[in-house]
Amino acid sequence: QVHLVESGGGLVQAGESLRLSCTTSERIFLLNAMAWYRQAPGKQRELVAEMTSIPGGGRSNSADSVQGRFTISIDDAENTLNLQMNKLNHQDTALYYCNAKTLSRPYWGQGNPVTVSS
């Protein structure tokens, strides 16, 4: 069982920045991959950014809509997955979910709201 605790969401104005964090109950380098997803009102959940091959050092990938603005990273010492979000715009408003993939099943955080006012 992997527990994920998210933090860092909130209300910001367009152009500002936020940093989301997701702390795991498991040593992060024992996980296969971790990711951030988001779900805007009335829309399907979508992948924002992911870190795969974590035991091998990690490779990052992000959606086209956030490339150049969002950065995903891992803090091994704190067992934390971070998402630095810069130049936020109204289209980034959503509930952001942390996701961890193990060999047996995926795990999800509780969801963290991000609201960007224009």
C-alpha atoms as a PDB file:
ATOM      1  CA  GLN A   1       0.000   0.000   0.000  1.00  0.00           C
ATOM      2  CA  VAL A   2       1.405   3.380  -1.053  1.00  0.00           C
ATOM      3  CA  HIS A   3      -0.005   6.545   0.472  1.00  0.00           C
ATOM      4  CA  LEU A   4       0.339   9.822  -1.406  1.00  0.00           C
ATOM      5  CA  VAL A   5      -0.107  13.205   0.260  1.00  0.00           C
ATOM      6  CA  GLU A   6      -0.338  16.248  -1.964  1.00  0.00           C
ATOM      7  CA  SER A   7       0.221  19.881  -1.101  1.00  0.00           C
ATOM      8  CA  GLY A   8       0.809  23.271  -2.698  1.00  0.00           C
ATOM      9  CA  GLY A   9      -2.329  24.040  -4.674  1.00  0.00           C
ATOM     10  CA  GLY A  10      -4.290  27.251  -4.425  1.00  0.00           C
ATOM     11  CA  LEU A  11      -5.558  30.362  -6.159  1.00  0.00           C
ATOM     12  CA  VAL A  12      -3.209  32.481  -8.265  1.00  0.00           C
ATOM     13  CA  GLN A  13      -3.457  35.069 -11.002  1.00  0.00           C
ATOM     14  CA  ALA A  14      -2.524  34.391 -14.600  1.00  0.00           C
ATOM     15  CA  GLY A  15       1.210  34.550 -15.135  1.00  0.00           C
ATOM     16  CA  GLU A  16       2.086  33.526 -11.595  1.00  0.00           C
ATOM     17  CA  SER A  17       3.683  30.309 -10.351  1.00  0.00           C
ATOM     18  CA  LEU A  18       2.804  27.428  -8.021  1.00  0.00           C
ATOM     19  CA  ARG A  19       4.672  24.360  -6.827  1.00  0.00           C
ATOM     20  CA  LEU A  20       2.830  21.124  -6.148  1.00  0.00           C
ATOM     21  CA  SER A  21       4.367  18.414  -3.991  1.00  0.00           C
ATOM     22  CA  CYS A  22       3.441  14.781  -3.451  1.00  0.00           C
ATOM     23  CA  THR A  23       5.034  12.885  -0.590  1.00  0.00           C
ATOM     24  CA  THR A  24       4.984   9.089  -0.700  1.00  0.00           C
ATOM     25  CA  SER A  25       4.900   6.579   2.126  1.00  0.00           C
ATOM     26  CA  GLU A  26       7.235   4.361   0.091  1.00  0.00           C
ATOM     27  CA  ARG A  27      10.857   5.040  -0.825  1.00  0.00           C
ATOM     28  CA  ILE A  28      10.401   6.881  -4.092  1.00  0.00           C
ATOM     29  CA  PHE A  29      13.159   5.000  -5.865  1.00  0.00           C
ATOM     30  CA  LEU A  30      11.274   1.758  -5.275  1.00  0.00           C
ATOM     31  CA  LEU A  31       8.451   3.018  -7.485  1.00  0.00           C
ATOM     32  CA  ASN A  32       8.416   2.385 -11.235  1.00  0.00           C
ATOM     33  CA  ALA A  33       7.023   5.741 -12.200  1.00  0.00           C
ATOM     34  CA  MET A  34       5.192   8.771 -10.851  1.00  0.00           C
ATOM     35  CA  ALA A  35       3.110  11.375 -12.563  1.00  0.00           C
ATOM     36  CA  TRP A  36       0.840  14.375 -12.246  1.00  0.00           C
ATOM     37  CA  TYR A  37      -2.604  14.287 -13.837  1.00  0.00           C
ATOM     38  CA  ARG A  38      -5.270  16.948 -13.864  1.00  0.00           C
ATOM     39  CA  GLN A  39      -8.993  17.095 -14.391  1.00  0.00           C
ATOM     40  CA  ALA A  40     -10.760  20.310 -15.272  1.00  0.00           C
ATOM     41  CA  PRO A  41     -14.519  20.705 -14.711  1.00  0.00           C
ATOM     42  CA  GLY A  42     -16.443  18.804 -17.360  1.00  0.00           C
ATOM     43  CA  LYS A  43     -13.326  17.271 -18.878  1.00  0.00           C
ATOM     44  CA  GLN A  44     -11.532  13.951 -18.689  1.00  0.00           C
ATOM     45  CA  ARG A  45      -8.471  13.430 -16.538  1.00  0.00           C
ATOM     46  CA  GLU A  46      -5.287  14.065 -18.524  1.00  0.00           C
ATOM     47  CA  LEU A  47      -1.596  13.442 -18.033  1.00  0.00           C
ATOM     48  CA  VAL A  48       0.367  16.596 -17.223  1.00  0.00           C
ATOM     49  CA  ALA A  49       3.870  15.258 -16.632  1.00  0.00           C
ATOM     50  CA  GLU A  50       5.487  11.984 -15.668  1.00  0.00           C
ATOM     51  CA  MET A  51       8.753  10.597 -14.398  1.00  0.00           C
ATOM     52  CA  THR A  52       9.373   7.060 -15.641  1.00  0.00           C
ATOM     53  CA  SER A  53      12.162   4.538 -15.067  1.00  0.00           C
ATOM     54  CA  ILE A  54      12.698   5.949 -11.593  1.00  0.00           C
ATOM     55  CA  PRO A  55      14.934   3.091 -10.381  1.00  0.00           C
ATOM     56  CA  GLY A  56      17.189   3.772 -13.365  1.00  0.00           C
ATOM     57  CA  GLY A  57      17.548   7.453 -12.677  1.00  0.00           C
ATOM     58  CA  GLY A  58      14.307   8.766 -14.111  1.00  0.00           C
ATOM     59  CA  ARG A  59      13.151  10.167 -17.425  1.00  0.00           C
ATOM     60  CA  SER A  60      10.663  13.012 -17.600  1.00  0.00           C
ATOM     61  CA  ASN A  61       7.931  13.678 -20.108  1.00  0.00           C
ATOM     62  CA  SER A  62       5.248  16.354 -20.211  1.00  0.00           C
ATOM     63  CA  ALA A  63       2.145  17.256 -22.180  1.00  0.00           C
ATOM     64  CA  ASP A  64       2.535  19.667 -25.075  1.00  0.00           C
ATOM     65  CA  SER A  65       0.285  22.186 -23.336  1.00  0.00           C
ATOM     66  CA  VAL A  66       2.696  22.596 -20.409  1.00  0.00           C
ATOM     67  CA  GLN A  67       6.100  22.128 -22.023  1.00  0.00           C
ATOM     68  CA  GLY A  68       8.414  25.002 -21.249  1.00  0.00           C
ATOM     69  CA  ARG A  69       6.230  26.063 -18.300  1.00  0.00           C
ATOM     70  CA  PHE A  70       5.979  23.034 -15.990  1.00  0.00           C
ATOM     71  CA  THR A  71       8.872  21.000 -14.605  1.00  0.00           C
ATOM     72  CA  ILE A  72       8.548  17.643 -12.846  1.00  0.00           C
ATOM     73  CA  SER A  73      11.247  16.541 -10.434  1.00  0.00           C
ATOM     74  CA  ILE A  74      11.994  14.096  -7.645  1.00  0.00           C
ATOM     75  CA  ASP A  75      13.475  14.793  -4.216  1.00  0.00           C
ATOM     76  CA  ASP A  76      14.752  11.385  -3.179  1.00  0.00           C
ATOM     77  CA  ALA A  77      15.744  12.483   0.314  1.00  0.00           C
ATOM     78  CA  GLU A  78      12.200  13.693   1.023  1.00  0.00           C
ATOM     79  CA  ASN A  79      10.423  10.948  -1.000  1.00  0.00           C
ATOM     80  CA  THR A  80       8.636  13.737  -2.819  1.00  0.00           C
ATOM     81  CA  LEU A  81       7.503  14.338  -6.380  1.00  0.00           C
ATOM     82  CA  ASN A  82       7.339  18.022  -7.300  1.00  0.00           C
ATOM     83  CA  LEU A  83       5.677  19.945 -10.098  1.00  0.00           C
ATOM     84  CA  GLN A  84       6.905  23.482 -10.614  1.00  0.00           C
ATOM     85  CA  MET A  85       4.274  25.377 -12.589  1.00  0.00           C
ATOM     86  CA  ASN A  86       5.234  28.716 -14.119  1.00  0.00           C
ATOM     87  CA  LYS A  87       3.344  31.159 -16.324  1.00  0.00           C
ATOM     88  CA  LEU A  88       0.020  29.701 -15.257  1.00  0.00           C
ATOM     89  CA  ASN A  89      -3.043  30.520 -17.335  1.00  0.00           C
ATOM     90  CA  HIS A  90      -6.773  29.982 -16.986  1.00  0.00           C
ATOM     91  CA  GLN A  91      -6.603  26.706 -18.935  1.00  0.00           C
ATOM     92  CA  ASP A  92      -4.436  25.256 -16.147  1.00  0.00           C
ATOM     93  CA  THR A  93      -7.333  25.480 -13.686  1.00  0.00           C
ATOM     94  CA  ALA A  94      -8.063  21.922 -12.553  1.00  0.00           C
ATOM     95  CA  LEU A  95      -7.859  19.373  -9.793  1.00  0.00           C
ATOM     96  CA  TYR A  96      -4.309  17.992  -9.872  1.00  0.00           C
ATOM     97  CA  TYR A  97      -3.685  14.365  -8.878  1.00  0.00           C
ATOM     98  CA  CYS A  98      -0.456  12.668  -7.963  1.00  0.00           C
ATOM     99  CA  ASN A  99      -0.063   9.131  -9.323  1.00  0.00           C
ATOM    100  CA  ALA A 100       2.389   6.377  -8.422  1.00  0.00           C
ATOM    101  CA  LYS A 101       2.854   3.203 -10.453  1.00  0.00           C
ATOM    102  CA  THR A 102       4.057  -0.019  -8.885  1.00  0.00           C
ATOM    103  CA  LEU A 103       4.366  -3.507 -10.325  1.00  0.00           C
ATOM    104  CA  SER A 104       0.992  -4.450  -8.880  1.00  0.00           C
ATOM    105  CA  ARG A 105      -1.230  -1.375  -9.293  1.00  0.00           C
ATOM    106  CA  PRO A 106      -1.370   2.420  -9.522  1.00  0.00           C
ATOM    107  CA  TYR A 107      -2.053   4.677  -6.546  1.00  0.00           C
ATOM    108  CA  TRP A 108      -3.656   8.125  -6.494  1.00  0.00           C
ATOM    109  CA  GLY A 109      -3.473  11.143  -4.263  1.00  0.00           C
ATOM    110  CA  GLN A 110      -6.539  12.927  -2.975  1.00  0.00           C
ATOM    111  CA  GLY A 111      -6.460  15.717  -5.548  1.00  0.00           C
ATOM    112  CA  ASN A 112      -5.199  19.256  -5.121  1.00  0.00           C
ATOM    113  CA  PRO A 113      -7.125  22.220  -6.588  1.00  0.00           C
ATOM    114  CA  VAL A 114      -5.351  24.819  -8.685  1.00  0.00           C
ATOM    115  CA  THR A 115      -7.344  27.870  -9.750  1.00  0.00           C
ATOM    116  CA  VAL A 116      -5.925  30.492 -12.069  1.00  0.00           C
ATOM    117  CA  SER A 117      -7.821  33.750 -12.337  1.00  0.00           C
ATOM    118  CA  SER A 118      -7.542  35.711 -15.545  1.00  0.00           C
END
